Amino acid sequence: MGLFSKSRIEGEELRRCLDYYEAELMVTNFQTREADLFNNTLVKYLNSITEDPVAAVEVCKAANRLVQAAHEVIMRHETIQPIPDAALSMRCAWSVTFLSLKAWAEATLSAMEALANGMTPDYAYVQHLLGENQVVQRKAQEEDKRFLRRLKVAAAEINKILSRINDDAATDDWEPKPSCYNFTEAVKTPQKV
């Protein structure tokens, strides 16, 4: 073993690392599920958002839910404890990813509201934030892989974790808070740029 080699993780430390990894996967699984809901709404309604008030309301509601989900992701991520030393790089990478996600979600909501109100959103800014998020998300996924390689865990153990996460996801009853913003009123009175 070289001077800067990392020692083998085993015993109680390995259990803490696996527990942390499972908790982090639950957060990313939640985020993925919420992103899928948003994307499904976009596919269904985006082409008619400027002509159909129902489409505009649905897209704005979905974007609002995305923002709330991003805040929920950050809260869930921040409450994961304890954080094993071996997981610090992965935790930092996911922290950056989730903050980036929140910035993109908030810009997306603003863009959808502007579009629904007949205005032209700053698509370049939203795309820039999306690109940044994709870059940091790939880095976080690479940290995940490095973390798992260091743990040297059998595939069967990872499959057990994934199974528990899927079971927990089926019972996750998170719902966004009702918005105080009335999307219906906003789309009835489009504004000129």
C-alpha atoms as a PDB file:
ATOM      1  CA  MET A   1       0.000   0.000   0.000  1.00  0.00           C
ATOM      2  CA  GLY A   2       1.442   3.373  -1.013  1.00  0.00           C
ATOM      3  CA  LEU A   3       1.808   6.419   1.174  1.00  0.00           C
ATOM      4  CA  PHE A   4      -1.370   8.053  -0.160  1.00  0.00           C
ATOM      5  CA  SER A   5      -3.465   4.894  -0.651  1.00  0.00           C
ATOM      6  CA  LYS A   6      -6.823   4.803   0.980  1.00  0.00           C
ATOM      7  CA  SER A   7      -7.275   2.053   3.532  1.00  0.00           C
ATOM      8  CA  ARG A   8      -9.835  -0.661   3.042  1.00  0.00           C
ATOM      9  CA  ILE A   9     -13.280   0.188   4.380  1.00  0.00           C
ATOM     10  CA  GLU A  10     -14.819  -2.617   6.378  1.00  0.00           C
ATOM     11  CA  GLY A  11     -16.880  -3.466   9.428  1.00  0.00           C
ATOM     12  CA  GLU A  12     -18.944  -0.720  11.026  1.00  0.00           C
ATOM     13  CA  GLU A  13     -17.442   1.951   8.779  1.00  0.00           C
ATOM     14  CA  LEU A  14     -18.544  -0.023   5.720  1.00  0.00           C
ATOM     15  CA  ARG A  15     -22.087  -0.297   7.148  1.00  0.00           C
ATOM     16  CA  ARG A  16     -22.202   3.487   7.749  1.00  0.00           C
ATOM     17  CA  CYS A  17     -20.987   4.094   4.191  1.00  0.00           C
ATOM     18  CA  LEU A  18     -23.624   1.782   2.747  1.00  0.00           C
ATOM     19  CA  ASP A  19     -26.344   3.417   4.854  1.00  0.00           C
ATOM     20  CA  TYR A  20     -25.206   6.818   3.638  1.00  0.00           C
ATOM     21  CA  TYR A  21     -25.116   5.638   0.039  1.00  0.00           C
ATOM     22  CA  GLU A  22     -28.647   4.250   0.342  1.00  0.00           C
ATOM     23  CA  ALA A  23     -29.939   7.523   1.820  1.00  0.00           C
ATOM     24  CA  GLU A  24     -28.290   9.519  -0.983  1.00  0.00           C
ATOM     25  CA  LEU A  25     -29.778   7.193  -3.601  1.00  0.00           C
ATOM     26  CA  MET A  26     -33.217   7.753  -2.096  1.00  0.00           C
ATOM     27  CA  VAL A  27     -32.762  11.485  -2.628  1.00  0.00           C
ATOM     28  CA  THR A  28     -31.587  11.105  -6.216  1.00  0.00           C
ATOM     29  CA  ASN A  29     -34.406   8.655  -6.909  1.00  0.00           C
ATOM     30  CA  PHE A  30     -36.933  11.216  -5.631  1.00  0.00           C
ATOM     31  CA  GLN A  31     -35.346  13.914  -7.793  1.00  0.00           C
ATOM     32  CA  THR A  32     -35.472  11.698 -10.874  1.00  0.00           C
ATOM     33  CA  ARG A  33     -39.130  10.853 -10.294  1.00  0.00           C
ATOM     34  CA  GLU A  34     -40.053  14.542  -9.976  1.00  0.00           C
ATOM     35  CA  ALA A  35     -38.020  15.464 -13.081  1.00  0.00           C
ATOM     36  CA  ASP A  36     -39.870  12.753 -15.010  1.00  0.00           C
ATOM     37  CA  LEU A  37     -43.234  14.219 -13.955  1.00  0.00           C
ATOM     38  CA  PHE A  38     -42.137  17.638 -15.189  1.00  0.00           C
ATOM     39  CA  ASN A  39     -40.794  16.269 -18.473  1.00  0.00           C
ATOM     40  CA  ASN A  40     -44.003  14.320 -19.107  1.00  0.00           C
ATOM     41  CA  THR A  41     -46.046  17.499 -18.639  1.00  0.00           C
ATOM     42  CA  LEU A  42     -43.757  19.409 -21.011  1.00  0.00           C
ATOM     43  CA  VAL A  43     -44.089  16.742 -23.679  1.00  0.00           C
ATOM     44  CA  LYS A  44     -47.864  16.858 -23.365  1.00  0.00           C
ATOM     45  CA  TYR A  45     -48.433  20.629 -23.226  1.00  0.00           C
ATOM     46  CA  LEU A  46     -45.421  22.701 -24.296  1.00  0.00           C
ATOM     47  CA  ASN A  47     -46.375  23.058 -27.977  1.00  0.00           C
ATOM     48  CA  SER A  48     -49.736  24.578 -27.101  1.00  0.00           C
ATOM     49  CA  ILE A  49     -48.752  26.711 -24.101  1.00  0.00           C
ATOM     50  CA  THR A  50     -49.147  30.035 -25.931  1.00  0.00           C
ATOM     51  CA  GLU A  51     -52.556  29.221 -27.468  1.00  0.00           C
ATOM     52  CA  ASP A  52     -54.247  27.071 -24.826  1.00  0.00           C
ATOM     53  CA  PRO A  53     -54.776  28.491 -21.319  1.00  0.00           C
ATOM     54  CA  VAL A  54     -55.199  24.971 -19.917  1.00  0.00           C
ATOM     55  CA  ALA A  55     -51.805  23.968 -21.309  1.00  0.00           C
ATOM     56  CA  ALA A  56     -50.242  27.139 -19.901  1.00  0.00           C
ATOM     57  CA  VAL A  57     -51.678  26.456 -16.454  1.00  0.00           C
ATOM     58  CA  GLU A  58     -50.533  22.824 -16.496  1.00  0.00           C
ATOM     59  CA  VAL A  59     -46.981  23.695 -17.546  1.00  0.00           C
ATOM     60  CA  CYS A  60     -46.730  26.453 -14.942  1.00  0.00           C
ATOM     61  CA  LYS A  61     -48.057  24.146 -12.226  1.00  0.00           C
ATOM     62  CA  ALA A  62     -45.553  21.472 -13.254  1.00  0.00           C
ATOM     63  CA  ALA A  63     -42.685  23.988 -13.204  1.00  0.00           C
ATOM     64  CA  ASN A  64     -43.811  25.192  -9.779  1.00  0.00           C
ATOM     65  CA  ARG A  65     -43.840  21.585  -8.549  1.00  0.00           C
ATOM     66  CA  LEU A  66     -40.331  21.150  -9.979  1.00  0.00           C
ATOM     67  CA  VAL A  67     -39.104  24.126  -7.950  1.00  0.00           C
ATOM     68  CA  GLN A  68     -40.702  22.803  -4.772  1.00  0.00           C
ATOM     69  CA  ALA A  69     -39.246  19.362  -5.457  1.00  0.00           C
ATOM     70  CA  ALA A  70     -35.776  20.903  -5.883  1.00  0.00           C
ATOM     71  CA  HIS A  71     -36.114  22.530  -2.473  1.00  0.00           C
ATOM     72  CA  GLU A  72     -37.293  19.199  -1.030  1.00  0.00           C
ATOM     73  CA  VAL A  73     -34.295  17.435  -2.590  1.00  0.00           C
ATOM     74  CA  ILE A  74     -31.912  19.884  -0.932  1.00  0.00           C
ATOM     75  CA  MET A  75     -33.658  19.490   2.419  1.00  0.00           C
ATOM     76  CA  ARG A  76     -33.579  15.676   2.210  1.00  0.00           C
ATOM     77  CA  HIS A  77     -29.932  15.727   1.149  1.00  0.00           C
ATOM     78  CA  GLU A  78     -28.909  18.068   3.961  1.00  0.00           C
ATOM     79  CA  THR A  79     -30.610  15.965   6.637  1.00  0.00           C
ATOM     80  CA  ILE A  80     -28.691  12.772   5.820  1.00  0.00           C
ATOM     81  CA  GLN A  81     -26.581  11.973   8.865  1.00  0.00           C
ATOM     82  CA  PRO A  82     -24.041  10.766   9.762  1.00  0.00           C
ATOM     83  CA  ILE A  83     -21.718  11.493   6.865  1.00  0.00           C
ATOM     84  CA  PRO A  84     -18.821   9.054   6.764  1.00  0.00           C
ATOM     85  CA  ASP A  85     -15.450  10.599   5.914  1.00  0.00           C
ATOM     86  CA  ALA A  86     -15.216   8.336   2.876  1.00  0.00           C
ATOM     87  CA  ALA A  87     -18.429   9.876   1.496  1.00  0.00           C
ATOM     88  CA  LEU A  88     -17.444  13.544   1.802  1.00  0.00           C
ATOM     89  CA  SER A  89     -16.427  13.986  -1.854  1.00  0.00           C
ATOM     90  CA  MET A  90     -19.636  12.363  -3.031  1.00  0.00           C
ATOM     91  CA  ARG A  91     -21.711  14.490  -0.652  1.00  0.00           C
ATOM     92  CA  CYS A  92     -20.088  17.691  -1.879  1.00  0.00           C
ATOM     93  CA  ALA A  93     -20.636  16.709  -5.504  1.00  0.00           C
ATOM     94  CA  TRP A  94     -24.332  16.038  -4.893  1.00  0.00           C
ATOM     95  CA  SER A  95     -24.696  19.274  -2.900  1.00  0.00           C
ATOM     96  CA  VAL A  96     -23.411  21.259  -5.886  1.00  0.00           C
ATOM     97  CA  THR A  97     -25.681  19.277  -8.213  1.00  0.00           C
ATOM     98  CA  PHE A  98     -28.806  19.905  -6.147  1.00  0.00           C
ATOM     99  CA  LEU A  99     -28.090  23.634  -5.807  1.00  0.00           C
ATOM    100  CA  SER A 100     -27.576  23.781  -9.565  1.00  0.00           C
ATOM    101  CA  LEU A 101     -30.841  21.904 -10.061  1.00  0.00           C
ATOM    102  CA  LYS A 102     -32.675  24.445  -7.906  1.00  0.00           C
ATOM    103  CA  ALA A 103     -31.290  27.366  -9.931  1.00  0.00           C
ATOM    104  CA  TRP A 104     -32.356  25.708 -13.194  1.00  0.00           C
ATOM    105  CA  ALA A 105     -35.820  24.829 -11.833  1.00  0.00           C
ATOM    106  CA  GLU A 106     -36.435  28.397 -10.666  1.00  0.00           C
ATOM    107  CA  ALA A 107     -35.330  29.804 -14.030  1.00  0.00           C
ATOM    108  CA  THR A 108     -37.547  27.263 -15.790  1.00  0.00           C
ATOM    109  CA  LEU A 109     -40.575  28.343 -13.746  1.00  0.00           C
ATOM    110  CA  SER A 110     -39.914  31.988 -14.641  1.00  0.00           C
ATOM    111  CA  ALA A 111     -39.545  31.041 -18.303  1.00  0.00           C
ATOM    112  CA  MET A 112     -42.786  29.034 -18.342  1.00  0.00           C
ATOM    113  CA  GLU A 113     -44.687  31.849 -16.648  1.00  0.00           C
ATOM    114  CA  ALA A 114     -43.296  34.346 -19.159  1.00  0.00           C
ATOM    115  CA  LEU A 115     -44.203  32.077 -22.071  1.00  0.00           C
ATOM    116  CA  ALA A 116     -47.706  31.512 -20.683  1.00  0.00           C
ATOM    117  CA  ASN A 117     -48.128  35.289 -20.455  1.00  0.00           C
ATOM    118  CA  GLY A 118     -47.171  35.856 -24.077  1.00  0.00           C
ATOM    119  CA  MET A 119     -43.653  37.035 -23.341  1.00  0.00           C
ATOM    120  CA  THR A 120     -40.403  35.654 -24.698  1.00  0.00           C
ATOM    121  CA  PRO A 121     -38.351  34.001 -21.952  1.00  0.00           C
ATOM    122  CA  ASP A 122     -34.582  34.067 -21.778  1.00  0.00           C
ATOM    123  CA  TYR A 123     -34.111  30.590 -23.253  1.00  0.00           C
ATOM    124  CA  ALA A 124     -30.334  30.987 -23.437  1.00  0.00           C
ATOM    125  CA  TYR A 125     -30.107  31.494 -19.670  1.00  0.00           C
ATOM    126  CA  VAL A 126     -32.316  28.489 -18.930  1.00  0.00           C
ATOM    127  CA  GLN A 127     -30.275  26.347 -21.345  1.00  0.00           C
ATOM    128  CA  HIS A 128     -27.047  27.578 -19.741  1.00  0.00           C
ATOM    129  CA  LEU A 129     -28.292  26.545 -16.287  1.00  0.00           C
ATOM    130  CA  LEU A 130     -29.457  23.192 -17.646  1.00  0.00           C
ATOM    131  CA  GLY A 131     -26.041  22.583 -19.195  1.00  0.00           C
ATOM    132  CA  GLU A 132     -24.305  23.472 -15.939  1.00  0.00           C
ATOM    133  CA  ASN A 133     -26.577  21.089 -14.069  1.00  0.00           C
ATOM    134  CA  GLN A 134     -25.843  18.259 -16.476  1.00  0.00           C
ATOM    135  CA  VAL A 135     -22.090  18.787 -16.060  1.00  0.00           C
ATOM    136  CA  VAL A 136     -22.183  18.768 -12.258  1.00  0.00           C
ATOM    137  CA  GLN A 137     -24.582  15.831 -12.224  1.00  0.00           C
ATOM    138  CA  ARG A 138     -22.142  13.766 -14.311  1.00  0.00           C
ATOM    139  CA  LYS A 139     -19.382  14.683 -11.841  1.00  0.00           C
ATOM    140  CA  ALA A 140     -21.569  13.566  -8.933  1.00  0.00           C
ATOM    141  CA  GLN A 141     -22.294  10.291 -10.692  1.00  0.00           C
ATOM    142  CA  GLU A 142     -18.547   9.784 -11.175  1.00  0.00           C
ATOM    143  CA  GLU A 143     -18.035  10.391  -7.452  1.00  0.00           C
ATOM    144  CA  ASP A 144     -20.694   7.730  -6.808  1.00  0.00           C
ATOM    145  CA  LYS A 145     -18.726   5.269  -8.923  1.00  0.00           C
ATOM    146  CA  ARG A 146     -15.442   6.099  -7.165  1.00  0.00           C
ATOM    147  CA  PHE A 147     -17.157   5.679  -3.808  1.00  0.00           C
ATOM    148  CA  LEU A 148     -18.547   2.264  -4.737  1.00  0.00           C
ATOM    149  CA  ARG A 149     -15.193   1.131  -6.113  1.00  0.00           C
ATOM    150  CA  ARG A 150     -13.588   2.083  -2.821  1.00  0.00           C
ATOM    151  CA  LEU A 151     -16.212   0.145  -0.881  1.00  0.00           C
ATOM    152  CA  LYS A 152     -15.685  -2.969  -3.011  1.00  0.00           C
ATOM    153  CA  VAL A 153     -19.222  -4.141  -2.379  1.00  0.00           C
ATOM    154  CA  ALA A 154     -20.729  -7.124  -4.137  1.00  0.00           C
ATOM    155  CA  ALA A 155     -23.419  -6.522  -6.737  1.00  0.00           C
ATOM    156  CA  ALA A 156     -25.873  -8.472  -4.579  1.00  0.00           C
ATOM    157  CA  GLU A 157     -25.544  -5.862  -1.807  1.00  0.00           C
ATOM    158  CA  ILE A 158     -26.166  -3.017  -4.246  1.00  0.00           C
ATOM    159  CA  ASN A 159     -29.205  -4.861  -5.624  1.00  0.00           C
ATOM    160  CA  LYS A 160     -30.604  -5.148  -2.074  1.00  0.00           C
ATOM    161  CA  ILE A 161     -30.156  -1.401  -1.619  1.00  0.00           C
ATOM    162  CA  LEU A 162     -31.856  -0.675  -4.949  1.00  0.00           C
ATOM    163  CA  SER A 163     -34.745  -2.952  -4.014  1.00  0.00           C
ATOM    164  CA  ARG A 164     -35.259  -1.126  -0.705  1.00  0.00           C
ATOM    165  CA  ILE A 165     -35.136   2.222  -2.466  1.00  0.00           C
ATOM    166  CA  ASN A 166     -37.809   1.136  -4.948  1.00  0.00           C
ATOM    167  CA  ASP A 167     -39.983  -0.096  -2.081  1.00  0.00           C
ATOM    168  CA  ASP A 168     -39.547   3.192  -0.208  1.00  0.00           C
ATOM    169  CA  ALA A 169     -40.270   5.221  -3.338  1.00  0.00           C
ATOM    170  CA  ALA A 170     -43.599   3.446  -3.706  1.00  0.00           C
ATOM    171  CA  THR A 171     -44.655   4.770  -0.282  1.00  0.00           C
ATOM    172  CA  ASP A 172     -43.215   8.298  -0.609  1.00  0.00           C
ATOM    173  CA  ASP A 173     -46.291  10.508  -0.440  1.00  0.00           C
ATOM    174  CA  TRP A 174     -44.602  13.888  -0.878  1.00  0.00           C
ATOM    175  CA  GLU A 175     -46.828  16.488  -2.498  1.00  0.00           C
ATOM    176  CA  PRO A 176     -45.977  20.113  -3.271  1.00  0.00           C
ATOM    177  CA  LYS A 177     -47.590  22.843  -1.239  1.00  0.00           C
ATOM    178  CA  PRO A 178     -50.444  24.621  -2.985  1.00  0.00           C
ATOM    179  CA  SER A 179     -49.126  27.667  -4.758  1.00  0.00           C
ATOM    180  CA  CYS A 180     -50.340  31.079  -3.660  1.00  0.00           C
ATOM    181  CA  TYR A 181     -49.788  32.158  -7.264  1.00  0.00           C
ATOM    182  CA  ASN A 182     -52.900  31.834  -9.400  1.00  0.00           C
ATOM    183  CA  PHE A 183     -51.587  30.575 -12.729  1.00  0.00           C
ATOM    184  CA  THR A 184     -55.082  30.678 -14.229  1.00  0.00           C
ATOM    185  CA  GLU A 185     -55.382  34.455 -13.729  1.00  0.00           C
ATOM    186  CA  ALA A 186     -51.930  35.078 -15.156  1.00  0.00           C
ATOM    187  CA  VAL A 187     -52.634  33.306 -18.419  1.00  0.00           C
ATOM    188  CA  LYS A 188     -55.988  35.053 -18.895  1.00  0.00           C
ATOM    189  CA  THR A 189     -54.294  38.430 -19.144  1.00  0.00           C
ATOM    190  CA  PRO A 190     -51.268  38.034 -21.405  1.00  0.00           C
ATOM    191  CA  GLN A 191     -48.839  40.918 -21.335  1.00  0.00           C
ATOM    192  CA  LYS A 192     -47.054  42.492 -24.262  1.00  0.00           C
ATOM    193  CA  VAL A 193     -43.278  42.716 -24.294  1.00  0.00           C
END
